Amino acid sequence: MEPIIIVEGKNDRSRLKRLLSPDITILCTYGTLSTDRLEELKRKIGDEAVYLFMDNDASGKKIRAILRDAFPDAEQIYTRRGYAGVEGTPDEYIIQQLEKAGLEEYIQYPDPTPF
């Protein structure tokens, strides 16, 4: 079973795809969660392990609350307040949060930049 990460938007997904193995599925809420969209997410996820990685703003918190109810066993991944959402979070911080969530085997670490 490969984990699934749910994010808010396409830019968040693009940001994570650069740092994660292609084995990880990243699904988007597209900023809103209608009943139909929530049911579609439930169908796609089934019994897979779920991680929620939302922006640390009012919209992200609202979406996280809805998803927490729909997926009570989901692991929570957080970005720091002050960053411009998941897409605006530095790679180093995203990697740190993914490691905390136990996803290190799926991380594709960037090559260190020589000075």
Protein backbone atom coordinates (compact mmCIF):
# COMPACT_ATOMS: atom_id res chain seq x y z
CA MET A 1 0.00 0.00 0.00
CA GLU A 2 1.43 3.33 -1.06
CA PRO A 3 0.45 6.43 0.90
CA ILE A 4 -1.75 9.15 -0.56
CA ILE A 5 -1.31 12.84 0.23
CA ILE A 6 -4.18 15.29 -0.12
CA VAL A 7 -3.32 18.94 -0.79
CA GLU A 8 -5.40 21.96 -1.74
CA GLY A 9 -4.22 22.87 -5.20
CA LYS A 10 -2.25 22.01 -8.32
CA ASN A 11 0.71 24.17 -7.30
CA ASP A 12 0.91 22.37 -3.95
CA ARG A 13 0.87 19.04 -5.79
CA SER A 14 3.59 20.19 -8.20
CA ARG A 15 5.73 21.32 -5.28
CA LEU A 16 5.47 17.94 -3.53
CA LYS A 17 5.95 15.93 -6.74
CA ARG A 18 9.44 17.43 -7.07
CA LEU A 19 10.35 16.05 -3.64
CA LEU A 20 8.58 12.68 -3.61
CA SER A 21 8.85 9.38 -5.41
CA PRO A 22 6.38 8.87 -8.27
CA ASP A 23 4.94 6.02 -6.16
CA ILE A 24 3.14 8.59 -4.01
CA THR A 25 -0.30 9.68 -5.20
CA ILE A 26 -1.06 13.34 -4.54
CA LEU A 27 -4.73 14.34 -4.79
CA CYS A 28 -6.11 17.89 -4.81
CA THR A 29 -9.21 19.39 -3.26
CA TYR A 30 -8.90 22.36 -5.64
CA GLY A 31 -9.66 24.71 -2.77
CA THR A 32 -13.21 23.52 -2.18
CA LEU A 33 -14.87 20.38 -0.95
CA SER A 34 -18.32 19.68 -2.29
CA THR A 35 -20.06 16.48 -1.26
CA ASP A 36 -19.34 15.04 -4.71
CA ARG A 37 -15.63 15.90 -4.50
CA LEU A 38 -15.39 14.39 -1.01
CA GLU A 39 -17.05 11.17 -2.20
CA GLU A 40 -14.69 11.05 -5.18
CA LEU A 41 -11.69 11.36 -2.82
CA LYS A 42 -13.07 8.57 -0.62
CA ARG A 43 -13.46 6.31 -3.67
CA LYS A 44 -9.92 7.00 -4.90
CA ILE A 45 -8.37 6.49 -1.47
CA GLY A 46 -10.22 3.40 -0.31
CA ASP A 47 -8.18 1.80 2.48
CA GLU A 48 -4.85 3.45 1.64
CA ALA A 49 -2.85 5.44 4.20
CA VAL A 50 -3.80 9.13 3.95
CA TYR A 51 -1.80 12.26 4.78
CA LEU A 52 -3.35 15.73 4.87
CA PHE A 53 -1.02 18.61 3.94
CA MET A 54 -3.01 21.85 3.84
CA ASP A 55 -2.01 25.51 3.95
CA ASN A 56 -1.88 27.10 7.39
CA ASP A 57 -4.57 29.68 6.63
CA ALA A 58 -8.33 29.93 7.25
CA SER A 59 -9.22 28.07 4.04
CA GLY A 60 -6.67 25.31 4.67
CA LYS A 61 -7.86 24.87 8.26
CA LYS A 62 -11.48 24.60 7.10
CA ILE A 63 -10.61 21.98 4.46
CA ARG A 64 -8.44 20.09 6.95
CA ALA A 65 -11.34 19.94 9.44
CA ILE A 66 -13.68 18.47 6.81
CA LEU A 67 -11.07 15.94 5.68
CA ARG A 68 -10.22 15.02 9.27
CA ASP A 69 -13.86 14.03 9.74
CA ALA A 70 -13.91 12.07 6.47
CA PHE A 71 -10.54 10.38 7.13
CA PRO A 72 -10.19 10.14 10.93
CA ASP A 73 -7.04 7.98 10.69
CA ALA A 74 -5.24 10.41 8.38
CA GLU A 75 -1.81 11.68 9.39
CA GLN A 76 -1.55 15.44 9.62
CA ILE A 77 1.33 17.32 7.97
CA TYR A 78 1.63 21.03 8.66
CA THR A 79 3.37 23.95 7.07
CA ARG A 80 4.48 26.87 9.20
CA ARG A 81 2.33 29.95 9.57
CA GLY A 82 3.83 32.77 7.56
CA TYR A 83 4.79 30.64 4.57
CA ALA A 84 2.73 31.24 1.43
CA GLY A 85 0.99 27.89 1.68
CA VAL A 86 2.48 24.52 0.82
CA GLU A 87 3.64 25.84 -2.54
CA GLY A 88 5.55 28.69 -0.85
CA THR A 89 7.20 26.54 1.81
CA PRO A 90 10.95 25.99 1.47
CA ASP A 91 11.99 22.50 0.36
CA GLU A 92 14.00 21.95 3.54
CA TYR A 93 10.94 22.54 5.73
CA ILE A 94 8.69 20.34 3.57
CA ILE A 95 11.28 17.55 3.75
CA GLN A 96 11.47 17.94 7.52
CA GLN A 97 7.68 17.63 7.81
CA LEU A 98 7.58 14.61 5.47
CA GLU A 99 10.28 12.94 7.58
CA LYS A 100 8.28 13.66 10.76
CA ALA A 101 5.29 11.97 9.10
CA GLY A 102 7.40 8.86 8.44
CA LEU A 103 7.59 9.28 4.67
CA GLU A 104 11.40 9.40 4.38
CA GLU A 105 11.53 6.31 2.15
CA TYR A 106 9.56 8.25 -0.49
CA ILE A 107 11.54 11.51 -0.35
CA GLN A 108 13.74 12.36 -3.30
CA TYR A 109 16.35 14.53 -1.64
CA PRO A 110 17.66 17.37 -3.79
CA ASP A 111 21.34 17.31 -4.69
CA PRO A 112 23.33 19.52 -2.32
CA THR A 113 24.35 22.75 -3.98
CA PRO A 114 28.11 23.25 -4.06
CA PHE A 115 29.43 26.60 -2.91
